[in-house]
Amino acid sequence: MRFRTDENVHPDVAALLCRHGHDAVTVWDQQAAGASDVELAQLCQTEERAFVTRDLGFADIRQYPPQAFPGLVVLRLRSQSRAHLLAVTERLLPLLGAEPLPGRLWIVGDHDVRVRPGEKPRD
């Protein structure tokens, strides 16, 4: 899978994803640090990359409908330490093969993952 991590997520999360066979970049890799949420969302859509962020704004399905994205992963963690982020990411790795991410919003807590599918287009 293809990922982009936000500037509020330790860059080692992207490195961990890469070590497990994913194509992951950080906003710094593409000089996108400081970009607006709208700009980051458009980059993820254009490049077909799931977005990993701590920004709760991306959990607003009215502004960022999951079906419009290759995946949104919003981290809601008590600790933002590098070690905790990496441990949570390690626990997510098996889910990436078992649970679809494209078109979905994953809200990742310290001990759980809630998955919200995107709405189906209305005829």
PDB file of N, CA and C in Angstrom:
ATOM      1  N   MET A   1       0.839  -1.182   0.000  1.00  0.00           N
ATOM      2  CA  MET A   1       0.000   0.000   0.000  1.00  0.00           C
ATOM      3  C   MET A   1       0.881   1.241   0.000  1.00  0.00           C
ATOM      4  N   ARG A   2       0.266   2.340  -0.413  1.00  0.00           N
ATOM      5  CA  ARG A   2       0.969   3.622  -0.468  1.00  0.00           C
ATOM      6  C   ARG A   2       0.442   4.534   0.646  1.00  0.00           C
ATOM      7  N   PHE A   3       1.371   5.149   1.393  1.00  0.00           N
ATOM      8  CA  PHE A   3       1.024   5.995   2.533  1.00  0.00           C
ATOM      9  C   PHE A   3       1.772   7.315   2.478  1.00  0.00           C
ATOM     10  N   ARG A   4       1.183   8.312   3.117  1.00  0.00           N
ATOM     11  CA  ARG A   4       1.860   9.565   3.439  1.00  0.00           C
ATOM     12  C   ARG A   4       1.585   9.814   4.919  1.00  0.00           C
ATOM     13  N   THR A   5       2.640  10.149   5.667  1.00  0.00           N
ATOM     14  CA  THR A   5       2.451  10.501   7.068  1.00  0.00           C
ATOM     15  C   THR A   5       2.520  12.012   7.215  1.00  0.00           C
ATOM     16  N   ASP A   6       1.691  12.514   8.085  1.00  0.00           N
ATOM     17  CA  ASP A   6       1.596  13.946   8.352  1.00  0.00           C
ATOM     18  C   ASP A   6       2.807  14.404   9.167  1.00  0.00           C
ATOM     19  N   GLU A   7       2.995  15.707   9.245  1.00  0.00           N
ATOM     20  CA  GLU A   7       4.114  16.235  10.008  1.00  0.00           C
ATOM     21  C   GLU A   7       3.938  16.027  11.506  1.00  0.00           C
ATOM     22  N   ASN A   8       2.728  15.705  11.956  1.00  0.00           N
ATOM     23  CA  ASN A   8       2.495  15.457  13.376  1.00  0.00           C
ATOM     24  C   ASN A   8       2.667  13.980  13.753  1.00  0.00           C
ATOM     25  N   VAL A   9       3.177  13.188  12.828  1.00  0.00           N
ATOM     26  CA  VAL A   9       3.457  11.765  13.056  1.00  0.00           C
ATOM     27  C   VAL A   9       4.966  11.572  12.883  1.00  0.00           C
ATOM     28  N   HIS A  10       5.581  10.915  13.849  1.00  0.00           N
ATOM     29  CA  HIS A  10       7.036  10.724  13.793  1.00  0.00           C
ATOM     30  C   HIS A  10       7.418  10.062  12.472  1.00  0.00           C
ATOM     31  N   PRO A  11       8.469  10.554  11.808  1.00  0.00           N
ATOM     32  CA  PRO A  11       8.878   9.997  10.505  1.00  0.00           C
ATOM     33  C   PRO A  11       9.255   8.514  10.553  1.00  0.00           C
ATOM     34  N   ASP A  12       9.586   8.002  11.720  1.00  0.00           N
ATOM     35  CA  ASP A  12       9.920   6.580  11.816  1.00  0.00           C
ATOM     36  C   ASP A  12       8.711   5.689  11.538  1.00  0.00           C
ATOM     37  N   VAL A  13       7.489   6.236  11.620  1.00  0.00           N
ATOM     38  CA  VAL A  13       6.301   5.456  11.264  1.00  0.00           C
ATOM     39  C   VAL A  13       6.345   5.124   9.770  1.00  0.00           C
ATOM     40  N   ALA A  14       6.695   6.105   8.944  1.00  0.00           N
ATOM     41  CA  ALA A  14       6.822   5.850   7.505  1.00  0.00           C
ATOM     42  C   ALA A  14       7.937   4.837   7.240  1.00  0.00           C
ATOM     43  N   ALA A  15       9.045   4.973   7.948  1.00  0.00           N
ATOM     44  CA  ALA A  15      10.155   4.030   7.772  1.00  0.00           C
ATOM     45  C   ALA A  15       9.730   2.610   8.143  1.00  0.00           C
ATOM     46  N   LEU A  16       8.952   2.467   9.209  1.00  0.00           N
ATOM     47  CA  LEU A  16       8.459   1.153   9.615  1.00  0.00           C
ATOM     48  C   LEU A  16       7.546   0.564   8.550  1.00  0.00           C
ATOM     49  N   LEU A  17       6.655   1.368   8.009  1.00  0.00           N
ATOM     50  CA  LEU A  17       5.779   0.894   6.932  1.00  0.00           C
ATOM     51  C   LEU A  17       6.605   0.427   5.732  1.00  0.00           C
ATOM     52  N   CYS A  18       7.637   1.176   5.401  1.00  0.00           N
ATOM     53  CA  CYS A  18       8.513   0.793   4.279  1.00  0.00           C
ATOM     54  C   CYS A  18       9.213  -0.540   4.554  1.00  0.00           C
ATOM     55  N   ARG A  19       9.678  -0.720   5.770  1.00  0.00           N
ATOM     56  CA  ARG A  19      10.359  -1.982   6.113  1.00  0.00           C
ATOM     57  C   ARG A  19       9.424  -3.183   5.965  1.00  0.00           C
ATOM     58  N   HIS A  20       8.133  -2.937   6.010  1.00  0.00           N
ATOM     59  CA  HIS A  20       7.165  -4.021   5.873  1.00  0.00           C
ATOM     60  C   HIS A  20       6.552  -4.060   4.470  1.00  0.00           C
ATOM     61  N   GLY A  21       7.259  -3.477   3.512  1.00  0.00           N
ATOM     62  CA  GLY A  21       6.881  -3.631   2.109  1.00  0.00           C
ATOM     63  C   GLY A  21       5.928  -2.584   1.552  1.00  0.00           C
ATOM     64  N   HIS A  22       5.610  -1.566   2.332  1.00  0.00           N
ATOM     65  CA  HIS A  22       4.714  -0.520   1.852  1.00  0.00           C
ATOM     66  C   HIS A  22       5.526   0.640   1.273  1.00  0.00           C
ATOM     67  N   ASP A  23       4.892   1.430   0.443  1.00  0.00           N
ATOM     68  CA  ASP A  23       5.486   2.634  -0.122  1.00  0.00           C
ATOM     69  C   ASP A  23       4.999   3.800   0.734  1.00  0.00           C
ATOM     70  N   ALA A  24       5.841   4.268   1.642  1.00  0.00           N
ATOM     71  CA  ALA A  24       5.431   5.315   2.576  1.00  0.00           C
ATOM     72  C   ALA A  24       6.393   6.493   2.505  1.00  0.00           C
ATOM     73  N   VAL A  25       5.826   7.684   2.457  1.00  0.00           N
ATOM     74  CA  VAL A  25       6.606   8.919   2.462  1.00  0.00           C
ATOM     75  C   VAL A  25       6.073   9.822   3.572  1.00  0.00           C
ATOM     76  N   THR A  26       6.901  10.756   3.963  1.00  0.00           N
ATOM     77  CA  THR A  26       6.482  11.762   4.936  1.00  0.00           C
ATOM     78  C   THR A  26       6.214  13.069   4.195  1.00  0.00           C
ATOM     79  N   VAL A  27       5.544  13.987   4.859  1.00  0.00           N
ATOM     80  CA  VAL A  27       5.330  15.290   4.222  1.00  0.00           C
ATOM     81  C   VAL A  27       6.666  15.981   3.978  1.00  0.00           C
ATOM     82  N   TRP A  28       7.679  15.673   4.806  1.00  0.00           N
ATOM     83  CA  TRP A  28       8.997  16.291   4.608  1.00  0.00           C
ATOM     84  C   TRP A  28       9.686  15.734   3.369  1.00  0.00           C
ATOM     85  N   ASP A  29       9.438  14.472   3.042  1.00  0.00           N
ATOM     86  CA  ASP A  29      10.051  13.865   1.858  1.00  0.00           C
ATOM     87  C   ASP A  29       9.695  14.632   0.591  1.00  0.00           C
ATOM     88  N   GLN A  30       8.510  15.213   0.572  1.00  0.00           N
ATOM     89  CA  GLN A  30       8.044  15.903  -0.631  1.00  0.00           C
ATOM     90  C   GLN A  30       7.875  17.400  -0.400  1.00  0.00           C
ATOM     91  N   GLN A  31       8.592  17.916   0.592  1.00  0.00           N
ATOM     92  CA  GLN A  31       8.565  19.337   0.916  1.00  0.00           C
ATOM     93  C   GLN A  31       7.129  19.866   1.066  1.00  0.00           C
ATOM     94  N   ALA A  32       6.284  19.078   1.719  1.00  0.00           N
ATOM     95  CA  ALA A  32       4.890  19.474   1.915  1.00  0.00           C
ATOM     96  C   ALA A  32       4.593  19.839   3.367  1.00  0.00           C
ATOM     97  N   ALA A  33       5.622  19.879   4.209  1.00  0.00           N
ATOM     98  CA  ALA A  33       5.409  20.290   5.600  1.00  0.00           C
ATOM     99  C   ALA A  33       4.875  21.720   5.596  1.00  0.00           C
ATOM    100  N   GLY A  34       3.882  21.961   6.410  1.00  0.00           N
ATOM    101  CA  GLY A  34       3.273  23.287   6.465  1.00  0.00           C
ATOM    102  C   GLY A  34       2.133  23.487   5.486  1.00  0.00           C
ATOM    103  N   ALA A  35       1.900  22.505   4.625  1.00  0.00           N
ATOM    104  CA  ALA A  35       0.782  22.611   3.672  1.00  0.00           C
ATOM    105  C   ALA A  35      -0.534  22.556   4.431  1.00  0.00           C
ATOM    106  N   SER A  36      -1.551  23.152   3.859  1.00  0.00           N
ATOM    107  CA  SER A  36      -2.874  23.124   4.488  1.00  0.00           C
ATOM    108  C   SER A  36      -3.450  21.718   4.431  1.00  0.00           C
ATOM    109  N   ASP A  37      -4.459  21.483   5.266  1.00  0.00           N
ATOM    110  CA  ASP A  37      -5.126  20.183   5.249  1.00  0.00           C
ATOM    111  C   ASP A  37      -5.714  19.884   3.872  1.00  0.00           C
ATOM    112  N   VAL A  38      -6.287  20.888   3.252  1.00  0.00           N
ATOM    113  CA  VAL A  38      -6.889  20.697   1.920  1.00  0.00           C
ATOM    114  C   VAL A  38      -5.809  20.308   0.913  1.00  0.00           C
ATOM    115  N   GLU A  39      -4.658  20.968   0.973  1.00  0.00           N
ATOM    116  CA  GLU A  39      -3.566  20.639   0.053  1.00  0.00           C
ATOM    117  C   GLU A  39      -3.060  19.212   0.288  1.00  0.00           C
ATOM    118  N   LEU A  40      -2.914  18.831   1.553  1.00  0.00           N
ATOM    119  CA  LEU A  40      -2.449  17.472   1.860  1.00  0.00           C
ATOM    120  C   LEU A  40      -3.461  16.433   1.389  1.00  0.00           C
ATOM    121  N   ALA A  41      -4.739  16.726   1.586  1.00  0.00           N
ATOM    122  CA  ALA A  41      -5.786  15.801   1.132  1.00  0.00           C
ATOM    123  C   ALA A  41      -5.715  15.631  -0.380  1.00  0.00           C
ATOM    124  N   GLN A  42      -5.548  16.722  -1.106  1.00  0.00           N
ATOM    125  CA  GLN A  42      -5.462  16.648  -2.566  1.00  0.00           C
ATOM    126  C   GLN A  42      -4.232  15.867  -3.012  1.00  0.00           C
ATOM    127  N   LEU A  43      -3.100  16.068  -2.332  1.00  0.00           N
ATOM    128  CA  LEU A  43      -1.889  15.309  -2.659  1.00  0.00           C
ATOM    129  C   LEU A  43      -2.122  13.810  -2.474  1.00  0.00           C
ATOM    130  N   CYS A  44      -2.754  13.456  -1.380  1.00  0.00           N
ATOM    131  CA  CYS A  44      -3.026  12.029  -1.118  1.00  0.00           C
ATOM    132  C   CYS A  44      -3.955  11.452  -2.183  1.00  0.00           C
ATOM    133  N   GLN A  45      -4.957  12.211  -2.573  1.00  0.00           N
ATOM    134  CA  GLN A  45      -5.872  11.731  -3.607  1.00  0.00           C
ATOM    135  C   GLN A  45      -5.153  11.595  -4.941  1.00  0.00           C
ATOM    136  N   THR A  46      -4.382  12.603  -5.318  1.00  0.00           N
ATOM    137  CA  THR A  46      -3.677  12.591  -6.600  1.00  0.00           C
ATOM    138  C   THR A  46      -2.677  11.449  -6.675  1.00  0.00           C
ATOM    139  N   GLU A  47      -1.942  11.242  -5.594  1.00  0.00           N
ATOM    140  CA  GLU A  47      -0.899  10.210  -5.581  1.00  0.00           C
ATOM    141  C   GLU A  47      -1.412   8.853  -5.096  1.00  0.00           C
ATOM    142  N   GLU A  48      -2.701   8.786  -4.790  1.00  0.00           N
ATOM    143  CA  GLU A  48      -3.323   7.551  -4.308  1.00  0.00           C
ATOM    144  C   GLU A  48      -2.575   6.985  -3.107  1.00  0.00           C
ATOM    145  N   ARG A  49      -2.412   7.845  -2.101  1.00  0.00           N
ATOM    146  CA  ARG A  49      -1.753   7.460  -0.854  1.00  0.00           C
ATOM    147  C   ARG A  49      -2.726   7.606   0.306  1.00  0.00           C
ATOM    148  N   ALA A  50      -2.788   6.594   1.146  1.00  0.00           N
ATOM    149  CA  ALA A  50      -3.541   6.708   2.392  1.00  0.00           C
ATOM    150  C   ALA A  50      -2.801   7.695   3.292  1.00  0.00           C
ATOM    151  N   PHE A  51      -3.551   8.452   4.066  1.00  0.00           N
ATOM    152  CA  PHE A  51      -2.966   9.501   4.904  1.00  0.00           C
ATOM    153  C   PHE A  51      -3.013   9.079   6.360  1.00  0.00           C
ATOM    154  N   VAL A  52      -1.860   9.151   7.032  1.00  0.00           N
ATOM    155  CA  VAL A  52      -1.744   8.833   8.454  1.00  0.00           C
ATOM    156  C   VAL A  52      -1.482  10.141   9.190  1.00  0.00           C
ATOM    157  N   THR A  53      -2.373  10.489  10.125  1.00  0.00           N
ATOM    158  CA  THR A  53      -2.287  11.779  10.797  1.00  0.00           C
ATOM    159  C   THR A  53      -2.828  11.704  12.214  1.00  0.00           C
ATOM    160  N   ARG A  54      -2.464  12.688  13.023  1.00  0.00           N
ATOM    161  CA  ARG A  54      -3.071  12.870  14.337  1.00  0.00           C
ATOM    162  C   ARG A  54      -4.110  13.987  14.280  1.00  0.00           C
ATOM    163  N   ASP A  55      -4.284  14.606  13.147  1.00  0.00           N
ATOM    164  CA  ASP A  55      -5.199  15.735  12.967  1.00  0.00           C
ATOM    165  C   ASP A  55      -6.644  15.244  12.955  1.00  0.00           C
ATOM    166  N   LEU A  56      -7.386  15.557  14.004  1.00  0.00           N
ATOM    167  CA  LEU A  56      -8.770  15.089  14.125  1.00  0.00           C
ATOM    168  C   LEU A  56      -9.680  15.670  13.055  1.00  0.00           C
ATOM    169  N   GLY A  57      -9.269  16.739  12.398  1.00  0.00           N
ATOM    170  CA  GLY A  57     -10.069  17.297  11.312  1.00  0.00           C
ATOM    171  C   GLY A  57     -10.311  16.283  10.203  1.00  0.00           C
ATOM    172  N   PHE A  58      -9.374  15.359  10.002  1.00  0.00           N
ATOM    173  CA  PHE A  58      -9.536  14.350   8.952  1.00  0.00           C
ATOM    174  C   PHE A  58     -10.547  13.269   9.342  1.00  0.00           C
ATOM    175  N   ALA A  59     -11.007  13.287  10.591  1.00  0.00           N
ATOM    176  CA  ALA A  59     -12.065  12.368  11.016  1.00  0.00           C
ATOM    177  C   ALA A  59     -13.445  12.946  10.720  1.00  0.00           C
ATOM    178  N   ASP A  60     -13.504  14.180  10.222  1.00  0.00           N
ATOM    179  CA  ASP A  60     -14.775  14.817   9.863  1.00  0.00           C
ATOM    180  C   ASP A  60     -15.176  14.325   8.474  1.00  0.00           C
ATOM    181  N   ILE A  61     -16.104  13.372   8.441  1.00  0.00           N
ATOM    182  CA  ILE A  61     -16.466  12.740   7.169  1.00  0.00           C
ATOM    183  C   ILE A  61     -17.236  13.673   6.235  1.00  0.00           C
ATOM    184  N   ARG A  62     -17.732  14.788   6.759  1.00  0.00           N
ATOM    185  CA  ARG A  62     -18.396  15.756   5.874  1.00  0.00           C
ATOM    186  C   ARG A  62     -17.358  16.525   5.061  1.00  0.00           C
ATOM    187  N   GLN A  63     -16.246  16.856   5.699  1.00  0.00           N
ATOM    188  CA  GLN A  63     -15.194  17.588   4.999  1.00  0.00           C
ATOM    189  C   GLN A  63     -14.257  16.657   4.228  1.00  0.00           C
ATOM    190  N   TYR A  64     -13.999  15.468   4.790  1.00  0.00           N
ATOM    191  CA  TYR A  64     -13.094  14.498   4.166  1.00  0.00           C
ATOM    192  C   TYR A  64     -13.819  13.148   4.079  1.00  0.00           C
ATOM    193  N   PRO A  65     -14.734  13.015   3.121  1.00  0.00           N
ATOM    194  CA  PRO A  65     -15.493  11.763   3.011  1.00  0.00           C
ATOM    195  C   PRO A  65     -14.556  10.595   2.692  1.00  0.00           C
ATOM    196  N   PRO A  66     -14.589   9.542   3.497  1.00  0.00           N
ATOM    197  CA  PRO A  66     -13.652   8.426   3.309  1.00  0.00           C
ATOM    198  C   PRO A  66     -13.649   7.840   1.904  1.00  0.00           C
ATOM    199  N   GLN A  67     -14.810   7.790   1.264  1.00  0.00           N
ATOM    200  CA  GLN A  67     -14.880   7.183  -0.063  1.00  0.00           C
ATOM    201  C   GLN A  67     -14.072   7.950  -1.104  1.00  0.00           C
ATOM    202  N   ALA A  68     -13.681   9.167  -0.793  1.00  0.00           N
ATOM    203  CA  ALA A  68     -12.914   9.986  -1.733  1.00  0.00           C
ATOM    204  C   ALA A  68     -11.405   9.802  -1.575  1.00  0.00           C
ATOM    205  N   PHE A  69     -10.996   8.910  -0.665  1.00  0.00           N
ATOM    206  CA  PHE A  69      -9.572   8.779  -0.351  1.00  0.00           C
ATOM    207  C   PHE A  69      -9.113   7.328  -0.439  1.00  0.00           C
ATOM    208  N   PRO A  70      -7.807   7.151  -0.675  1.00  0.00           N
ATOM    209  CA  PRO A  70      -7.232   5.812  -0.650  1.00  0.00           C
ATOM    210  C   PRO A  70      -7.125   5.260   0.774  1.00  0.00           C
ATOM    211  N   GLY A  71      -7.605   6.028   1.714  1.00  0.00           N
ATOM    212  CA  GLY A  71      -7.604   5.631   3.122  1.00  0.00           C
ATOM    213  C   GLY A  71      -7.200   6.795   4.003  1.00  0.00           C
ATOM    214  N   LEU A  72      -7.871   6.903   5.138  1.00  0.00           N
ATOM    215  CA  LEU A  72      -7.534   7.900   6.151  1.00  0.00           C
ATOM    216  C   LEU A  72      -7.319   7.157   7.463  1.00  0.00           C
ATOM    217  N   VAL A  73      -6.171   7.390   8.089  1.00  0.00           N
ATOM    218  CA  VAL A  73      -5.852   6.776   9.371  1.00  0.00           C
ATOM    219  C   VAL A  73      -5.611   7.918  10.355  1.00  0.00           C
ATOM    220  N   VAL A  74      -6.532   8.073  11.303  1.00  0.00           N
ATOM    221  CA  VAL A  74      -6.428   9.141  12.297  1.00  0.00           C
ATOM    222  C   VAL A  74      -6.039   8.501  13.622  1.00  0.00           C
ATOM    223  N   LEU A  75      -4.887   8.922  14.143  1.00  0.00           N
ATOM    224  CA  LEU A  75      -4.358   8.384  15.389  1.00  0.00           C
ATOM    225  C   LEU A  75      -4.876   9.189  16.572  1.00  0.00           C
ATOM    226  N   ARG A  76      -5.549   8.510  17.497  1.00  0.00           N
ATOM    227  CA  ARG A  76      -6.066   9.127  18.730  1.00  0.00           C
ATOM    228  C   ARG A  76      -5.397   8.415  19.895  1.00  0.00           C
ATOM    229  N   LEU A  77      -4.182   8.801  20.175  1.00  0.00           N
ATOM    230  CA  LEU A  77      -3.361   8.103  21.157  1.00  0.00           C
ATOM    231  C   LEU A  77      -3.076   8.995  22.365  1.00  0.00           C
ATOM    232  N   ARG A  78      -3.043   8.377  23.546  1.00  0.00           N
ATOM    233  CA  ARG A  78      -2.723   9.147  24.755  1.00  0.00           C
ATOM    234  C   ARG A  78      -1.274   9.610  24.736  1.00  0.00           C
ATOM    235  N   SER A  79      -0.387   8.740  24.327  1.00  0.00           N
ATOM    236  CA  SER A  79       1.036   9.083  24.275  1.00  0.00           C
ATOM    237  C   SER A  79       1.444   9.303  22.824  1.00  0.00           C
ATOM    238  N   GLN A  80       2.173  10.358  22.581  1.00  0.00           N
ATOM    239  CA  GLN A  80       2.670  10.635  21.234  1.00  0.00           C
ATOM    240  C   GLN A  80       4.155  10.310  21.105  1.00  0.00           C
ATOM    241  N   SER A  81       4.668   9.545  22.058  1.00  0.00           N
ATOM    242  CA  SER A  81       6.087   9.197  22.013  1.00  0.00           C
ATOM    243  C   SER A  81       6.385   8.345  20.787  1.00  0.00           C
ATOM    244  N   ARG A  82       7.593   8.428  20.331  1.00  0.00           N
ATOM    245  CA  ARG A  82       8.039   7.642  19.182  1.00  0.00           C
ATOM    246  C   ARG A  82       7.799   6.157  19.427  1.00  0.00           C
ATOM    247  N   ALA A  83       8.173   5.683  20.612  1.00  0.00           N
ATOM    248  CA  ALA A  83       8.034   4.259  20.929  1.00  0.00           C
ATOM    249  C   ALA A  83       6.570   3.818  20.864  1.00  0.00           C
ATOM    250  N   HIS A  84       5.668   4.632  21.396  1.00  0.00           N
ATOM    251  CA  HIS A  84       4.243   4.267  21.392  1.00  0.00           C
ATOM    252  C   HIS A  84       3.687   4.282  19.963  1.00  0.00           C
ATOM    253  N   LEU A  85       4.039   5.303  19.187  1.00  0.00           N
ATOM    254  CA  LEU A  85       3.578   5.361  17.792  1.00  0.00           C
ATOM    255  C   LEU A  85       4.040   4.138  17.007  1.00  0.00           C
ATOM    256  N   LEU A  86       5.284   3.740  17.215  1.00  0.00           N
ATOM    257  CA  LEU A  86       5.808   2.574  16.498  1.00  0.00           C
ATOM    258  C   LEU A  86       5.121   1.288  16.969  1.00  0.00           C
ATOM    259  N   ALA A  87       4.856   1.171  18.268  1.00  0.00           N
ATOM    260  CA  ALA A  87       4.173  -0.017  18.783  1.00  0.00           C
ATOM    261  C   ALA A  87       2.756  -0.119  18.215  1.00  0.00           C
ATOM    262  N   VAL A  88       2.040   0.994  18.154  1.00  0.00           N
ATOM    263  CA  VAL A  88       0.689   0.993  17.597  1.00  0.00           C
ATOM    264  C   VAL A  88       0.739   0.664  16.106  1.00  0.00           C
ATOM    265  N   THR A  89       1.700   1.217  15.388  1.00  0.00           N
ATOM    266  CA  THR A  89       1.838   0.935  13.959  1.00  0.00           C
ATOM    267  C   THR A  89       2.131  -0.547  13.738  1.00  0.00           C
ATOM    268  N   GLU A  90       2.975  -1.132  14.575  1.00  0.00           N
ATOM    269  CA  GLU A  90       3.255  -2.578  14.481  1.00  0.00           C
ATOM    270  C   GLU A  90       1.964  -3.383  14.611  1.00  0.00           C
ATOM    271  N   ARG A  91       1.086  -2.963  15.523  1.00  0.00           N
ATOM    272  CA  ARG A  91      -0.182  -3.677  15.710  1.00  0.00           C
ATOM    273  C   ARG A  91      -1.121  -3.481  14.524  1.00  0.00           C
ATOM    274  N   LEU A  92      -0.955  -2.391  13.783  1.00  0.00           N
ATOM    275  CA  LEU A  92      -1.804  -2.139  12.612  1.00  0.00           C
ATOM    276  C   LEU A  92      -1.401  -2.978  11.401  1.00  0.00           C
ATOM    277  N   LEU A  93      -0.150  -3.360  11.324  1.00  0.00           N
ATOM    278  CA  LEU A  93       0.357  -4.037  10.127  1.00  0.00           C
ATOM    279  C   LEU A  93      -0.475  -5.253   9.717  1.00  0.00           C
ATOM    280  N   PRO A  94      -0.849  -6.153  10.629  1.00  0.00           N
ATOM    281  CA  PRO A  94      -1.679  -7.294  10.202  1.00  0.00           C
ATOM    282  C   PRO A  94      -3.055  -6.872   9.681  1.00  0.00           C
ATOM    283  N   LEU A  95      -3.587  -5.773  10.201  1.00  0.00           N
ATOM    284  CA  LEU A  95      -4.897  -5.297   9.735  1.00  0.00           C
ATOM    285  C   LEU A  95      -4.858  -4.826   8.292  1.00  0.00           C
ATOM    286  N   LEU A  96      -3.704  -4.333   7.861  1.00  0.00           N
ATOM    287  CA  LEU A  96      -3.591  -3.820   6.496  1.00  0.00           C
ATOM    288  C   LEU A  96      -3.858  -4.908   5.463  1.00  0.00           C
ATOM    289  N   GLY A  97      -3.576  -6.147   5.808  1.00  0.00           N
ATOM    290  CA  GLY A  97      -3.855  -7.247   4.897  1.00  0.00           C
ATOM    291  C   GLY A  97      -5.233  -7.854   5.082  1.00  0.00           C
ATOM    292  N   ALA A  98      -5.854  -7.568   6.226  1.00  0.00           N
ATOM    293  CA  ALA A  98      -7.133  -8.206   6.544  1.00  0.00           C
ATOM    294  C   ALA A  98      -8.336  -7.289   6.379  1.00  0.00           C
ATOM    295  N   GLU A  99      -8.136  -6.003   6.555  1.00  0.00           N
ATOM    296  CA  GLU A  99      -9.240  -5.037   6.536  1.00  0.00           C
ATOM    297  C   GLU A  99      -8.980  -4.018   5.437  1.00  0.00           C
ATOM    298  N   PRO A 100      -9.927  -3.793   4.533  1.00  0.00           N
ATOM    299  CA  PRO A 100      -9.704  -2.803   3.475  1.00  0.00           C
ATOM    300  C   PRO A 100      -9.501  -1.402   4.054  1.00  0.00           C
ATOM    301  N   LEU A 101      -8.566  -0.679   3.502  1.00  0.00           N
ATOM    302  CA  LEU A 101      -8.328   0.707   3.893  1.00  0.00           C
ATOM    303  C   LEU A 101      -8.881   1.699   2.870  1.00  0.00           C
ATOM    304  N   PRO A 102      -8.742   1.447   1.568  1.00  0.00           N
ATOM    305  CA  PRO A 102      -9.268   2.419   0.595  1.00  0.00           C
ATOM    306  C   PRO A 102     -10.760   2.690   0.809  1.00  0.00           C
ATOM    307  N   GLY A 103     -11.107   3.976   0.799  1.00  0.00           N
ATOM    308  CA  GLY A 103     -12.501   4.362   0.966  1.00  0.00           C
ATOM    309  C   GLY A 103     -12.991   4.285   2.396  1.00  0.00           C
ATOM    310  N   ARG A 104     -12.065   4.133   3.344  1.00  0.00           N
ATOM    311  CA  ARG A 104     -12.452   3.996   4.741  1.00  0.00           C
ATOM    312  C   ARG A 104     -11.654   4.948   5.627  1.00  0.00           C
ATOM    313  N   LEU A 105     -12.238   5.245   6.774  1.00  0.00           N
ATOM    314  CA  LEU A 105     -11.599   6.026   7.825  1.00  0.00           C
ATOM    315  C   LEU A 105     -11.310   5.081   8.980  1.00  0.00           C
ATOM    316  N   TRP A 106     -10.042   4.962   9.351  1.00  0.00           N
ATOM    317  CA  TRP A 106      -9.658   4.179  10.512  1.00  0.00           C
ATOM    318  C   TRP A 106      -9.343   5.156  11.640  1.00  0.00           C
ATOM    319  N   ILE A 107     -10.041   5.016  12.756  1.00  0.00           N
ATOM    320  CA  ILE A 107      -9.720   5.783  13.957  1.00  0.00           C
ATOM    321  C   ILE A 107      -8.959   4.817  14.864  1.00  0.00           C
ATOM    322  N   VAL A 108      -7.691   5.125  15.092  1.00  0.00           N
ATOM    323  CA  VAL A 108      -6.809   4.215  15.810  1.00  0.00           C
ATOM    324  C   VAL A 108      -6.588   4.740  17.222  1.00  0.00           C
ATOM    325  N   GLY A 109      -7.036   3.951  18.196  1.00  0.00           N
ATOM    326  CA  GLY A 109      -6.807   4.269  19.599  1.00  0.00           C
ATOM    327  C   GLY A 109      -5.633   3.477  20.132  1.00  0.00           C
ATOM    328  N   ASP A 110      -5.385   3.634  21.413  1.00  0.00           N
ATOM    329  CA  ASP A 110      -4.274   2.920  22.035  1.00  0.00           C
ATOM    330  C   ASP A 110      -4.441   1.406  21.948  1.00  0.00           C
ATOM    331  N   HIS A 111      -5.696   0.934  22.013  1.00  0.00           N
ATOM    332  CA  HIS A 111      -5.921  -0.513  22.050  1.00  0.00           C
ATOM    333  C   HIS A 111      -6.979  -0.995  21.070  1.00  0.00           C
ATOM    334  N   ASP A 112      -7.465  -0.100  20.200  1.00  0.00           N
ATOM    335  CA  ASP A 112      -8.524  -0.512  19.280  1.00  0.00           C
ATOM    336  C   ASP A 112      -8.444   0.281  17.987  1.00  0.00           C
ATOM    337  N   VAL A 113      -9.148  -0.237  16.991  1.00  0.00           N
ATOM    338  CA  VAL A 113      -9.271   0.447  15.704  1.00  0.00           C
ATOM    339  C   VAL A 113     -10.749   0.424  15.341  1.00  0.00           C
ATOM    340  N   ARG A 114     -11.300   1.603  15.095  1.00  0.00           N
ATOM    341  CA  ARG A 114     -12.676   1.692  14.619  1.00  0.00           C
ATOM    342  C   ARG A 114     -12.617   2.019  13.140  1.00  0.00           C
ATOM    343  N   VAL A 115     -13.362   1.283  12.350  1.00  0.00           N
ATOM    344  CA  VAL A 115     -13.344   1.466  10.902  1.00  0.00           C
ATOM    345  C   VAL A 115     -14.690   2.017  10.477  1.00  0.00           C
ATOM    346  N   ARG A 116     -14.639   3.131   9.768  1.00  0.00           N
ATOM    347  CA  ARG A 116     -15.874   3.716   9.223  1.00  0.00           C
ATOM    348  C   ARG A 116     -15.782   3.664   7.701  1.00  0.00           C
ATOM    349  N   PRO A 117     -16.672   2.899   7.085  1.00  0.00           N
ATOM    350  CA  PRO A 117     -16.671   2.858   5.621  1.00  0.00           C
ATOM    351  C   PRO A 117     -17.223   4.156   5.060  1.00  0.00           C
ATOM    352  N   GLY A 118     -16.814   4.478   3.853  1.00  0.00           N
ATOM    353  CA  GLY A 118     -17.366   5.634   3.157  1.00  0.00           C
ATOM    354  C   GLY A 118     -18.783   5.356   2.730  1.00  0.00           C
ATOM    355  N   GLU A 119     -19.530   6.409   2.532  1.00  0.00           N
ATOM    356  CA  GLU A 119     -20.896   6.283   2.060  1.00  0.00           C
ATOM    357  C   GLU A 119     -20.904   5.850   0.597  1.00  0.00           C
ATOM    358  N   LYS A 120     -21.832   5.040   0.233  1.00  0.00           N
ATOM    359  CA  LYS A 120     -21.978   4.652  -1.179  1.00  0.00           C
ATOM    360  C   LYS A 120     -22.626   5.819  -1.930  1.00  0.00           C
ATOM    361  N   PRO A 121     -22.195   6.059  -3.152  1.00  0.00           N
ATOM    362  CA  PRO A 121     -22.815   7.129  -3.941  1.00  0.00           C
ATOM    363  C   PRO A 121     -24.306   6.873  -4.091  1.00  0.00           C
ATOM    364  N   ARG A 122     -25.071   7.934  -4.039  1.00  0.00           N
ATOM    365  CA  ARG A 122     -26.526   7.823  -4.220  1.00  0.00           C
ATOM    366  C   ARG A 122     -26.863   7.992  -5.680  1.00  0.00           C
ATOM    367  N   ASP A 123     -27.836   7.200  -6.134  1.00  0.00           N
ATOM    368  CA  ASP A 123     -28.259   7.282  -7.541  1.00  0.00           C
ATOM    369  C   ASP A 123     -29.204   8.432  -7.744  1.00  0.00           C
TER     370      ASP A 123
END
